[in-house]
């Protein structure tokens, strides 16, 4: 095919994966699995950054609960209550602790040239962050 033209294989890969992002397609085998693993995430980040990577899972944080998610005891409007069964979703207050809300990624540069690429707001590190969010899901915070 001519320079700049897309191959039928790339077109098929994008159709099957639902993604047109070339980085996601590069790691399509890892993105294809429903069960996203720590090892695969580490592989992606190490490959992209050229750094040694340490992943720290189970980074908890407080999550705000909307009124619709808060426990309410039974009353006239809702005799059965809302999330009012102990051990099955009952909570006190407008916040809940989620032990699995975030993952902290520690990058250890292997060269001084890499350090500038890893600074906050650098377009390169923002690309890495975007791909990581795509892999772990938008619901999880990345630190």
N, C-alpha and C. Protein backbone atom coordinates (compact mmCIF):
# COMPACT_ATOMS: atom_id res chain seq x y z
N UNK A 1 0.83 -1.18 0.00
CA UNK A 1 0.00 0.00 0.00
C UNK A 1 0.88 1.25 0.00
N UNK A 2 0.35 2.35 -0.46
CA UNK A 2 1.13 3.58 -0.57
C UNK A 2 1.37 4.20 0.79
N UNK A 3 2.39 5.07 0.83
CA UNK A 3 2.74 5.73 2.10
C UNK A 3 1.55 6.53 2.61
N UNK A 4 1.22 6.39 3.87
CA UNK A 4 0.10 7.10 4.46
C UNK A 4 -1.22 6.35 4.36
N UNK A 5 -1.29 5.36 3.48
CA UNK A 5 -2.52 4.57 3.35
C UNK A 5 -2.59 3.58 4.50
N UNK A 6 -3.80 3.27 4.89
CA UNK A 6 -4.00 2.35 6.01
C UNK A 6 -4.13 0.93 5.47
N UNK A 7 -3.55 0.00 6.20
CA UNK A 7 -3.62 -1.39 5.78
C UNK A 7 -4.96 -1.99 6.17
N UNK A 8 -5.40 -3.00 5.42
CA UNK A 8 -6.64 -3.69 5.78
C UNK A 8 -6.56 -4.32 7.18
N UNK A 9 -5.37 -4.75 7.58
CA UNK A 9 -5.20 -5.35 8.91
C UNK A 9 -5.50 -4.32 10.00
N UNK A 10 -4.98 -3.10 9.85
CA UNK A 10 -5.24 -2.04 10.83
C UNK A 10 -6.72 -1.71 10.85
N UNK A 11 -7.34 -1.61 9.68
CA UNK A 11 -8.79 -1.34 9.62
C UNK A 11 -9.58 -2.42 10.34
N UNK A 12 -9.20 -3.68 10.15
CA UNK A 12 -9.89 -4.79 10.81
C UNK A 12 -9.67 -4.75 12.32
N UNK A 13 -8.43 -4.47 12.74
CA UNK A 13 -8.11 -4.40 14.16
C UNK A 13 -8.94 -3.31 14.84
N UNK A 14 -9.04 -2.14 14.20
CA UNK A 14 -9.84 -1.05 14.77
C UNK A 14 -11.31 -1.42 14.83
N UNK A 15 -11.80 -2.11 13.81
CA UNK A 15 -13.21 -2.51 13.80
C UNK A 15 -13.50 -3.49 14.92
N UNK A 16 -12.61 -4.44 15.15
CA UNK A 16 -12.81 -5.44 16.19
C UNK A 16 -12.63 -4.85 17.59
N UNK A 17 -11.60 -4.01 17.75
CA UNK A 17 -11.30 -3.47 19.09
C UNK A 17 -12.19 -2.31 19.47
N UNK A 18 -12.72 -1.61 18.47
CA UNK A 18 -13.52 -0.43 18.76
C UNK A 18 -12.67 0.80 19.04
N UNK A 19 -11.37 0.71 18.81
CA UNK A 19 -10.45 1.83 19.07
C UNK A 19 -9.71 2.20 17.79
N UNK A 20 -9.49 3.50 17.62
CA UNK A 20 -8.66 3.95 16.50
C UNK A 20 -7.33 4.51 16.99
N UNK A 21 -7.11 4.49 18.29
CA UNK A 21 -5.86 4.98 18.86
C UNK A 21 -4.74 3.99 18.55
N UNK A 22 -3.67 4.47 17.91
CA UNK A 22 -2.60 3.56 17.50
C UNK A 22 -1.90 2.92 18.70
N UNK A 23 -1.80 3.62 19.83
CA UNK A 23 -1.17 3.02 21.01
C UNK A 23 -2.01 1.88 21.58
N UNK A 24 -3.32 2.09 21.65
CA UNK A 24 -4.20 1.03 22.14
C UNK A 24 -4.12 -0.17 21.20
N UNK A 25 -4.09 0.10 19.91
CA UNK A 25 -4.00 -1.00 18.95
C UNK A 25 -2.65 -1.71 19.05
N UNK A 26 -1.60 -0.98 19.38
CA UNK A 26 -0.28 -1.60 19.55
C UNK A 26 -0.31 -2.62 20.70
N UNK A 27 -1.07 -2.32 21.73
CA UNK A 27 -1.19 -3.20 22.89
C UNK A 27 -2.52 -3.95 22.88
N UNK A 28 -3.07 -4.19 21.71
CA UNK A 28 -4.40 -4.79 21.58
C UNK A 28 -4.53 -6.12 22.32
N UNK A 29 -3.49 -6.93 22.30
CA UNK A 29 -3.55 -8.21 23.00
C UNK A 29 -3.77 -8.05 24.49
N UNK A 30 -3.16 -7.02 25.08
CA UNK A 30 -3.32 -6.77 26.52
C UNK A 30 -4.66 -6.10 26.81
N UNK A 31 -5.12 -5.24 25.90
CA UNK A 31 -6.39 -4.56 26.09
C UNK A 31 -7.58 -5.50 25.83
N UNK A 32 -7.35 -6.58 25.09
CA UNK A 32 -8.45 -7.48 24.72
C UNK A 32 -9.01 -8.25 25.91
N UNK A 33 -8.19 -8.48 26.91
CA UNK A 33 -8.63 -9.26 28.07
C UNK A 33 -9.56 -8.43 28.95
N UNK A 34 -10.66 -9.04 29.37
CA UNK A 34 -11.57 -8.38 30.32
C UNK A 34 -10.92 -8.21 31.68
N UNK A 35 -10.09 -9.18 32.06
CA UNK A 35 -9.39 -9.13 33.34
C UNK A 35 -8.05 -8.45 33.12
N UNK A 36 -8.00 -7.19 33.48
CA UNK A 36 -6.77 -6.41 33.30
C UNK A 36 -5.83 -6.70 34.46
N UNK A 37 -4.60 -7.08 34.15
CA UNK A 37 -3.68 -7.50 35.21
C UNK A 37 -2.64 -6.43 35.53
N UNK A 38 -2.12 -6.53 36.73
CA UNK A 38 -1.04 -5.66 37.20
C UNK A 38 0.20 -5.87 36.32
N UNK A 39 0.49 -7.11 35.98
CA UNK A 39 1.65 -7.42 35.15
C UNK A 39 1.56 -6.80 33.77
N UNK A 40 0.37 -6.86 33.17
CA UNK A 40 0.19 -6.27 31.84
C UNK A 40 0.32 -4.76 31.90
N UNK A 41 -0.25 -4.14 32.94
CA UNK A 41 -0.13 -2.69 33.10
C UNK A 41 1.33 -2.29 33.25
N UNK A 42 2.06 -3.04 34.05
CA UNK A 42 3.49 -2.76 34.25
C UNK A 42 4.25 -2.89 32.93
N UNK A 43 3.94 -3.90 32.14
CA UNK A 43 4.57 -4.10 30.84
C UNK A 43 4.33 -2.92 29.91
N UNK A 44 3.08 -2.46 29.85
CA UNK A 44 2.73 -1.33 28.99
C UNK A 44 3.51 -0.09 29.40
N UNK A 45 3.52 0.21 30.69
CA UNK A 45 4.19 1.43 31.17
C UNK A 45 5.70 1.35 30.97
N UNK A 46 6.29 0.20 31.26
CA UNK A 46 7.73 0.04 31.06
C UNK A 46 8.09 0.19 29.58
N UNK A 47 7.28 -0.38 28.72
CA UNK A 47 7.53 -0.30 27.28
C UNK A 47 7.42 1.15 26.78
N UNK A 48 6.41 1.86 27.25
CA UNK A 48 6.19 3.24 26.81
C UNK A 48 7.24 4.21 27.35
N UNK A 49 7.63 4.04 28.60
CA UNK A 49 8.49 5.03 29.25
C UNK A 49 9.97 4.68 29.25
N UNK A 50 10.29 3.40 29.10
CA UNK A 50 11.68 2.98 29.22
C UNK A 50 12.18 3.05 30.65
N UNK A 51 11.26 3.12 31.60
CA UNK A 51 11.60 3.22 33.03
C UNK A 51 11.31 1.90 33.72
N UNK A 52 11.95 1.72 34.86
CA UNK A 52 11.52 0.65 35.76
C UNK A 52 10.25 1.14 36.43
N UNK A 53 9.32 0.23 36.68
CA UNK A 53 8.00 0.61 37.19
C UNK A 53 7.67 -0.19 38.44
N UNK A 54 7.15 0.50 39.43
CA UNK A 54 6.59 -0.15 40.62
C UNK A 54 5.13 0.27 40.71
N UNK A 55 4.26 -0.70 40.85
CA UNK A 55 2.83 -0.43 40.99
C UNK A 55 2.41 -0.68 42.43
N UNK A 56 1.72 0.29 42.99
CA UNK A 56 1.21 0.17 44.35
C UNK A 56 -0.31 0.17 44.27
N UNK A 57 -0.88 -1.02 44.40
CA UNK A 57 -2.33 -1.16 44.32
C UNK A 57 -2.96 -0.81 45.67
N UNK A 58 -4.27 -0.90 45.69
CA UNK A 58 -5.05 -0.69 46.92
C UNK A 58 -4.72 0.64 47.59
N UNK A 59 -4.76 1.69 46.81
CA UNK A 59 -4.59 3.05 47.31
C UNK A 59 -5.99 3.58 47.59
N UNK A 60 -6.37 3.57 48.85
CA UNK A 60 -7.72 3.97 49.21
C UNK A 60 -7.93 5.47 49.18
N UNK A 61 -9.19 5.85 49.05
CA UNK A 61 -9.57 7.26 49.15
C UNK A 61 -11.06 7.36 49.45
N UNK A 62 -11.44 8.51 49.99
CA UNK A 62 -12.84 8.76 50.31
C UNK A 62 -13.59 9.12 49.04
N UNK A 63 -14.75 8.53 48.88
CA UNK A 63 -15.63 8.84 47.75
C UNK A 63 -16.89 9.49 48.28
N UNK A 64 -17.33 10.52 47.62
CA UNK A 64 -18.59 11.18 47.99
C UNK A 64 -19.76 10.35 47.50
N UNK A 65 -20.75 10.19 48.36
CA UNK A 65 -21.97 9.48 47.99
C UNK A 65 -23.06 10.50 47.68
N UNK A 66 -23.71 10.34 46.54
CA UNK A 66 -24.83 11.22 46.22
C UNK A 66 -26.00 10.86 47.14
N UNK A 67 -27.00 11.71 47.21
CA UNK A 67 -28.18 11.44 48.05
C UNK A 67 -28.82 10.10 47.68
N UNK A 68 -28.80 9.78 46.39
CA UNK A 68 -29.41 8.53 45.92
C UNK A 68 -28.63 7.30 46.38
N UNK A 69 -27.37 7.48 46.77
CA UNK A 69 -26.53 6.36 47.20
C UNK A 69 -26.43 6.23 48.72
N UNK A 70 -26.97 7.19 49.46
CA UNK A 70 -26.84 7.20 50.91
C UNK A 70 -27.93 6.34 51.57
N UNK A 71 -27.58 5.77 52.71
CA UNK A 71 -28.51 4.96 53.48
C UNK A 71 -29.63 5.82 54.03
N UNK A 72 -30.85 5.31 53.91
CA UNK A 72 -32.02 5.95 54.53
C UNK A 72 -32.84 4.86 55.20
N UNK A 73 -33.24 5.13 56.42
CA UNK A 73 -34.11 4.19 57.11
C UNK A 73 -35.51 4.29 56.52
N UNK A 74 -36.31 3.27 56.75
CA UNK A 74 -37.67 3.24 56.21
C UNK A 74 -38.51 4.40 56.73
N UNK A 75 -39.40 4.87 55.88
CA UNK A 75 -40.30 5.96 56.23
C UNK A 75 -41.54 5.88 55.37
N UNK A 76 -42.34 6.93 55.35
CA UNK A 76 -43.58 6.92 54.57
C UNK A 76 -43.31 6.77 53.07
N UNK A 77 -42.34 7.51 52.56
CA UNK A 77 -42.09 7.46 51.12
C UNK A 77 -41.36 6.18 50.69
N UNK A 78 -40.52 5.65 51.55
CA UNK A 78 -39.80 4.40 51.25
C UNK A 78 -39.84 3.50 52.48
N UNK A 79 -40.91 2.73 52.65
CA UNK A 79 -41.06 1.89 53.84
C UNK A 79 -39.91 0.90 54.04
N UNK A 80 -39.33 0.42 52.96
CA UNK A 80 -38.25 -0.56 53.08
C UNK A 80 -36.89 0.11 53.29
N UNK A 81 -36.84 1.42 53.16
CA UNK A 81 -35.57 2.14 53.32
C UNK A 81 -34.76 2.09 52.04
N UNK A 82 -33.56 2.61 52.13
CA UNK A 82 -32.66 2.61 50.98
C UNK A 82 -31.27 2.26 51.47
N UNK A 83 -30.68 1.20 50.92
CA UNK A 83 -29.37 0.73 51.35
C UNK A 83 -29.33 0.61 52.87
N UNK A 84 -30.37 0.05 53.45
CA UNK A 84 -30.51 0.04 54.90
C UNK A 84 -30.27 -1.32 55.53
N UNK A 85 -29.74 -2.26 54.77
CA UNK A 85 -29.49 -3.59 55.31
C UNK A 85 -28.02 -3.71 55.73
N UNK A 86 -27.80 -3.92 57.01
CA UNK A 86 -26.44 -4.01 57.54
C UNK A 86 -25.71 -5.16 56.85
N UNK A 87 -24.49 -4.89 56.42
CA UNK A 87 -23.69 -5.90 55.73
C UNK A 87 -23.97 -5.97 54.24
N UNK A 88 -24.89 -5.17 53.76
CA UNK A 88 -25.26 -5.19 52.34
C UNK A 88 -25.39 -3.77 51.78
N UNK A 89 -24.47 -2.92 52.13
CA UNK A 89 -24.47 -1.59 51.53
C UNK A 89 -24.84 -0.45 52.44
N UNK A 90 -25.21 -0.74 53.68
CA UNK A 90 -25.55 0.35 54.60
C UNK A 90 -24.28 1.12 54.97
N UNK A 91 -24.41 2.42 55.02
CA UNK A 91 -23.29 3.27 55.43
C UNK A 91 -23.83 4.48 56.18
N UNK A 92 -22.97 5.10 56.94
CA UNK A 92 -23.37 6.29 57.69
C UNK A 92 -22.63 7.47 57.09
N UNK A 93 -23.38 8.46 56.65
CA UNK A 93 -22.75 9.68 56.14
C UNK A 93 -22.77 9.79 54.63
N UNK A 94 -22.10 10.84 54.15
CA UNK A 94 -22.10 11.16 52.73
C UNK A 94 -20.82 10.74 52.04
N UNK A 95 -19.94 10.03 52.76
CA UNK A 95 -18.69 9.56 52.16
C UNK A 95 -18.49 8.09 52.50
N UNK A 96 -17.75 7.40 51.64
CA UNK A 96 -17.42 6.00 51.88
C UNK A 96 -15.96 5.78 51.49
N UNK A 97 -15.27 4.94 52.25
CA UNK A 97 -13.87 4.63 51.96
C UNK A 97 -13.81 3.50 50.95
N UNK A 98 -13.11 3.73 49.86
CA UNK A 98 -12.93 2.71 48.84
C UNK A 98 -11.45 2.34 48.82
N UNK A 99 -11.12 1.17 49.32
CA UNK A 99 -9.73 0.73 49.42
C UNK A 99 -9.10 0.49 48.05
N UNK A 100 -9.91 0.27 47.03
CA UNK A 100 -9.41 -0.03 45.69
C UNK A 100 -9.68 1.12 44.72
N UNK A 101 -9.71 2.34 45.22
CA UNK A 101 -10.09 3.49 44.39
C UNK A 101 -8.97 3.97 43.48
N UNK A 102 -7.73 3.66 43.82
CA UNK A 102 -6.62 4.22 43.06
C UNK A 102 -5.45 3.26 42.99
N UNK A 103 -4.58 3.54 42.05
CA UNK A 103 -3.31 2.84 41.94
C UNK A 103 -2.22 3.91 41.83
N UNK A 104 -1.13 3.71 42.57
CA UNK A 104 -0.01 4.64 42.48
C UNK A 104 1.07 3.99 41.62
N UNK A 105 1.54 4.75 40.64
CA UNK A 105 2.56 4.26 39.72
C UNK A 105 3.84 5.02 40.00
N UNK A 106 4.88 4.27 40.31
CA UNK A 106 6.19 4.87 40.57
C UNK A 106 7.10 4.57 39.38
N UNK A 107 7.57 5.63 38.74
CA UNK A 107 8.47 5.49 37.60
C UNK A 107 9.89 5.76 38.06
N UNK A 108 10.80 4.84 37.75
CA UNK A 108 12.21 5.00 38.11
C UNK A 108 12.99 5.13 36.80
N UNK A 109 13.35 6.38 36.43
CA UNK A 109 14.05 6.59 35.16
C UNK A 109 15.38 5.84 35.12
N UNK A 110 15.68 5.28 33.96
CA UNK A 110 16.94 4.56 33.78
C UNK A 110 18.01 5.44 33.16
N UNK A 111 17.63 6.67 32.76
CA UNK A 111 18.60 7.62 32.21
C UNK A 111 18.14 9.04 32.54
N UNK A 112 19.08 9.96 32.55
CA UNK A 112 18.74 11.36 32.85
C UNK A 112 17.90 11.98 31.73
N UNK A 113 18.04 11.49 30.51
CA UNK A 113 17.25 12.02 29.39
C UNK A 113 15.75 11.78 29.60
N UNK A 114 15.43 10.70 30.26
CA UNK A 114 14.02 10.35 30.49
C UNK A 114 13.34 11.27 31.49
N UNK A 115 14.08 11.84 32.40
CA UNK A 115 13.50 12.62 33.50
C UNK A 115 12.64 13.76 32.97
N UNK A 116 13.12 14.52 31.99
CA UNK A 116 12.35 15.66 31.48
C UNK A 116 11.04 15.22 30.84
N UNK A 117 11.01 14.04 30.24
CA UNK A 117 9.77 13.54 29.63
C UNK A 117 8.74 13.15 30.69
N UNK A 118 9.19 12.91 31.90
CA UNK A 118 8.30 12.42 32.96
C UNK A 118 7.77 13.53 33.86
N UNK A 119 8.15 14.77 33.57
CA UNK A 119 7.68 15.88 34.38
C UNK A 119 6.19 16.12 34.16
N UNK A 120 5.48 16.59 35.19
CA UNK A 120 4.03 16.84 35.04
C UNK A 120 3.76 17.80 33.88
N UNK A 121 2.66 17.57 33.21
CA UNK A 121 2.18 18.38 32.08
C UNK A 121 3.03 18.28 30.83
N UNK A 122 4.01 17.40 30.80
CA UNK A 122 4.73 17.14 29.57
C UNK A 122 3.80 16.34 28.66
N UNK A 123 3.69 16.69 27.39
CA UNK A 123 2.78 15.96 26.50
C UNK A 123 3.04 14.45 26.49
N UNK A 124 4.29 14.04 26.61
CA UNK A 124 4.62 12.62 26.59
C UNK A 124 4.02 11.90 27.79
N UNK A 125 4.22 12.46 28.99
CA UNK A 125 3.68 11.79 30.19
C UNK A 125 2.16 11.84 30.19
N UNK A 126 1.59 12.88 29.61
CA UNK A 126 0.12 12.95 29.50
C UNK A 126 -0.41 11.86 28.59
N UNK A 127 0.33 11.51 27.55
CA UNK A 127 -0.05 10.40 26.68
C UNK A 127 -0.01 9.09 27.45
N UNK A 128 1.03 8.91 28.26
CA UNK A 128 1.15 7.70 29.08
C UNK A 128 -0.02 7.62 30.06
N UNK A 129 -0.32 8.74 30.73
CA UNK A 129 -1.44 8.77 31.69
C UNK A 129 -2.76 8.42 31.01
N UNK A 130 -2.97 8.96 29.83
CA UNK A 130 -4.20 8.70 29.09
C UNK A 130 -4.35 7.21 28.78
N UNK A 131 -3.27 6.59 28.33
CA UNK A 131 -3.31 5.16 28.01
C UNK A 131 -3.54 4.33 29.28
N UNK A 132 -2.91 4.72 30.38
CA UNK A 132 -3.10 4.00 31.65
C UNK A 132 -4.56 4.10 32.09
N UNK A 133 -5.15 5.30 31.99
CA UNK A 133 -6.57 5.47 32.34
C UNK A 133 -7.45 4.59 31.46
N UNK A 134 -7.12 4.50 30.20
CA UNK A 134 -7.89 3.65 29.29
C UNK A 134 -7.79 2.19 29.71
N UNK A 135 -6.62 1.77 30.17
CA UNK A 135 -6.41 0.38 30.56
C UNK A 135 -7.10 0.05 31.88
N UNK A 136 -6.93 0.89 32.90
CA UNK A 136 -7.49 0.55 34.22
C UNK A 136 -8.94 0.98 34.37
N UNK A 137 -9.41 1.88 33.53
CA UNK A 137 -10.79 2.35 33.61
C UNK A 137 -10.85 3.73 34.22
N UNK A 138 -11.83 4.48 33.79
CA UNK A 138 -11.98 5.87 34.23
C UNK A 138 -12.38 5.96 35.71
N UNK A 139 -12.91 4.87 36.27
CA UNK A 139 -13.37 4.87 37.66
C UNK A 139 -12.23 4.84 38.67
N UNK A 140 -11.03 4.51 38.22
CA UNK A 140 -9.90 4.38 39.15
C UNK A 140 -8.97 5.57 39.01
N UNK A 141 -8.57 6.14 40.15
CA UNK A 141 -7.63 7.26 40.14
C UNK A 141 -6.21 6.75 39.93
N UNK A 142 -5.43 7.55 39.24
CA UNK A 142 -4.02 7.24 39.01
C UNK A 142 -3.20 8.27 39.75
N UNK A 143 -2.29 7.80 40.59
CA UNK A 143 -1.41 8.71 41.34
C UNK A 143 0.01 8.55 40.85
